[in-house]
Protein backbone atom coordinates (compact mmCIF):
# COMPACT_ATOMS: atom_id res chain seq x y z
CA MET A 1 188.85 129.20 94.23
CA ALA A 2 186.09 126.71 94.97
CA PHE A 3 186.68 123.57 96.98
CA ARG A 4 184.72 121.29 99.28
CA PHE A 5 185.52 118.85 102.03
CA ASP A 6 185.57 115.30 100.68
CA ASN A 7 186.73 112.96 103.45
CA MET A 8 188.94 112.37 106.43
CA GLY A 9 190.72 109.11 107.05
CA ILE A 10 191.28 106.97 110.14
CA ALA A 11 193.58 103.97 110.15
CA VAL A 12 192.18 101.03 112.08
CA GLU A 13 193.19 97.48 112.85
CA ASP A 14 189.74 95.85 112.70
CA LEU A 15 187.74 97.26 109.76
CA ASP A 16 184.57 95.33 110.54
CA ASP A 17 184.38 96.70 114.12
CA ALA A 18 185.08 100.25 112.93
CA VAL A 19 182.39 100.05 110.24
CA ALA A 20 179.85 98.76 112.79
CA PHE A 21 180.73 101.58 115.19
CA PHE A 22 180.30 104.33 112.61
CA GLU A 23 177.15 102.74 111.26
CA ALA A 24 175.73 102.85 114.83
CA LEU A 25 176.68 106.55 114.88
CA GLY A 26 174.57 107.04 111.73
CA LEU A 27 177.06 106.94 108.87
CA GLU A 28 176.27 104.76 105.85
CA LEU A 29 178.69 102.27 104.28
CA GLU A 30 179.22 103.45 100.73
CA GLY A 31 181.55 100.63 99.80
CA ARG A 32 184.70 98.63 100.54
CA ALA A 33 187.74 98.17 98.34
CA MET A 34 191.37 97.01 98.29
CA ILE A 35 193.76 99.78 97.34
CA GLU A 36 197.11 98.39 96.35
CA GLY A 37 200.11 98.74 94.16
CA GLU A 38 202.96 101.07 93.37
CA TRP A 39 200.64 103.85 92.16
CA ALA A 40 198.94 104.06 95.57
CA GLY A 41 202.28 104.10 97.34
CA ARG A 42 203.34 107.11 95.29
CA VAL A 43 200.47 109.07 96.78
CA THR A 44 201.14 108.08 100.37
CA GLY A 45 204.90 107.73 100.25
CA LEU A 46 204.69 104.14 101.55
CA GLY A 47 205.86 102.43 98.40
CA ASP A 48 204.14 99.23 97.31
CA GLN A 49 201.13 99.10 99.67
CA ARG A 50 197.98 97.11 100.30
CA VAL A 51 195.18 98.84 102.14
CA GLU A 52 191.61 97.66 102.68
CA ILE A 53 189.26 100.62 102.94
CA ALA A 54 185.68 101.26 103.83
CA MET A 55 184.14 104.53 102.76
CA MET A 56 181.44 105.81 105.11
CA ARG A 57 179.05 108.51 103.95
CA MET A 58 177.70 111.18 106.34
CA PRO A 59 173.92 110.94 106.66
CA ASP A 60 173.45 114.48 105.19
CA GLY A 61 175.61 113.59 102.15
CA HIS A 62 178.24 116.18 102.94
CA GLY A 63 181.57 114.47 103.42
CA LYS A 64 182.82 110.98 104.03
CA LEU A 65 185.01 109.07 106.51
CA GLU A 66 187.55 106.68 104.96
CA LEU A 67 188.46 103.80 107.34
CA SER A 68 191.71 102.12 106.28
CA ARG A 69 193.26 98.82 107.35
CA PHE A 70 196.92 98.76 106.31
CA LEU A 71 198.07 95.28 105.34
CA ALA A 72 201.43 96.27 103.80
CA PRO A 73 203.72 97.71 104.71
CA GLU A 74 203.28 96.92 108.37
CA VAL A 75 201.88 99.53 110.71
CA ILE A 76 204.82 101.19 112.46
CA GLU A 77 203.21 103.46 115.07
CA ASP A 78 200.12 103.36 117.23
CA HIS A 79 198.49 106.59 118.42
CA ARG A 80 195.06 105.16 119.36
CA ARG A 81 195.34 105.90 123.02
CA ALA A 82 197.06 109.32 122.76
CA PRO A 83 195.56 111.91 125.09
CA VAL A 84 193.27 114.56 123.64
CA ASN A 85 196.08 117.14 123.79
CA ALA A 86 198.49 115.11 121.62
CA LEU A 87 199.64 116.79 118.40
CA GLY A 88 198.28 115.58 115.07
CA TYR A 89 194.90 113.92 114.52
CA LEU A 90 192.79 114.72 117.52
CA ARG A 91 189.19 113.80 116.90
CA ALA A 92 186.21 114.23 114.53
CA MET A 93 183.13 115.98 115.99
CA PHE A 94 179.68 114.83 115.03
CA ALA A 95 176.43 116.69 115.64
CA VAL A 96 173.66 114.34 116.80
CA ASP A 97 169.97 114.88 117.43
CA ASP A 98 169.72 112.68 120.55
CA LEU A 99 173.00 112.30 122.43
CA ASP A 100 171.67 109.79 124.97
CA ALA A 101 170.27 107.43 122.29
CA THR A 102 173.51 107.76 120.28
CA LEU A 103 175.59 106.90 123.34
CA ASP A 104 173.43 103.86 124.13
CA ARG A 105 174.08 102.53 120.56
CA LEU A 106 177.80 103.19 120.89
CA TYR A 107 178.05 101.76 124.41
CA ALA A 108 176.66 98.48 123.03
CA LEU A 109 179.73 98.37 120.76
CA GLY A 110 182.21 99.03 123.59
CA ALA A 111 182.48 102.82 123.40
CA GLU A 112 183.58 104.64 126.57
CA LEU A 113 183.26 108.27 127.62
CA VAL A 114 186.68 109.93 127.92
CA SER A 115 185.79 112.07 130.90
CA ARG A 116 183.05 109.79 132.31
CA GLU A 117 180.41 112.50 131.84
CA VAL A 118 178.42 114.46 129.29
CA VAL A 119 178.96 118.17 129.79
CA SER A 120 176.55 120.98 129.16
CA TYR A 121 178.18 124.02 127.46
CA ALA A 122 176.52 127.31 128.39
CA GLY A 123 173.09 125.75 128.12
CA VAL A 124 173.33 125.61 124.30
CA ALA A 125 174.89 122.20 123.75
CA ARG A 126 175.66 118.89 125.40
CA LEU A 127 179.17 117.58 124.57
CA CYS A 128 181.35 114.57 125.16
CA TYR A 129 184.35 112.74 123.80
CA VAL A 130 184.02 108.99 123.23
CA ARG A 131 186.64 106.33 122.51
CA GLY A 132 185.33 103.77 120.13
CA PRO A 133 186.88 100.60 118.75
CA GLU A 134 190.61 100.54 119.03
CA GLY A 135 190.60 103.84 120.94
CA VAL A 136 189.35 105.97 118.02
CA LEU A 137 188.44 109.36 119.50
CA ILE A 138 185.30 111.18 118.41
CA GLY A 139 183.33 114.08 119.79
CA LEU A 140 179.56 114.19 120.00
CA ALA A 141 177.46 117.33 120.35
CA GLU A 142 173.72 117.79 120.80
CA ASP A 143 172.36 121.28 120.13
CA LEU A 144 169.98 122.34 122.90
CA ALA A 145 168.65 125.43 121.11
């Protein structure tokens, strides 16, 4: 059986801020669209829904990130500030060539380190978790090898 990873989704409140954040990380905006109607609700189980999405493409072309702003029905729960050991969506990890330069770009958009430091792992990688717009949690890793 052949399959490939296509995308992961993150629900956000401010789509423009989220797009800017992930563009600063290096993803490319592939397009924006409104997804609405009964057919879409049959997929998600939400009924008649309206969702504005932005599809972000990974720079290497392998996989995408779908950012979704739900307009209807109303958002009913908020997990943006859940701790890293909360069940469910935890974080997406991105490999970067220059962690310090990446952090500088993300700090300019309000990103914050979760632990207030970048950690070296066994001398082979530098790692950190960052909270971006609306508390979105991502991991960043720079290979030192």
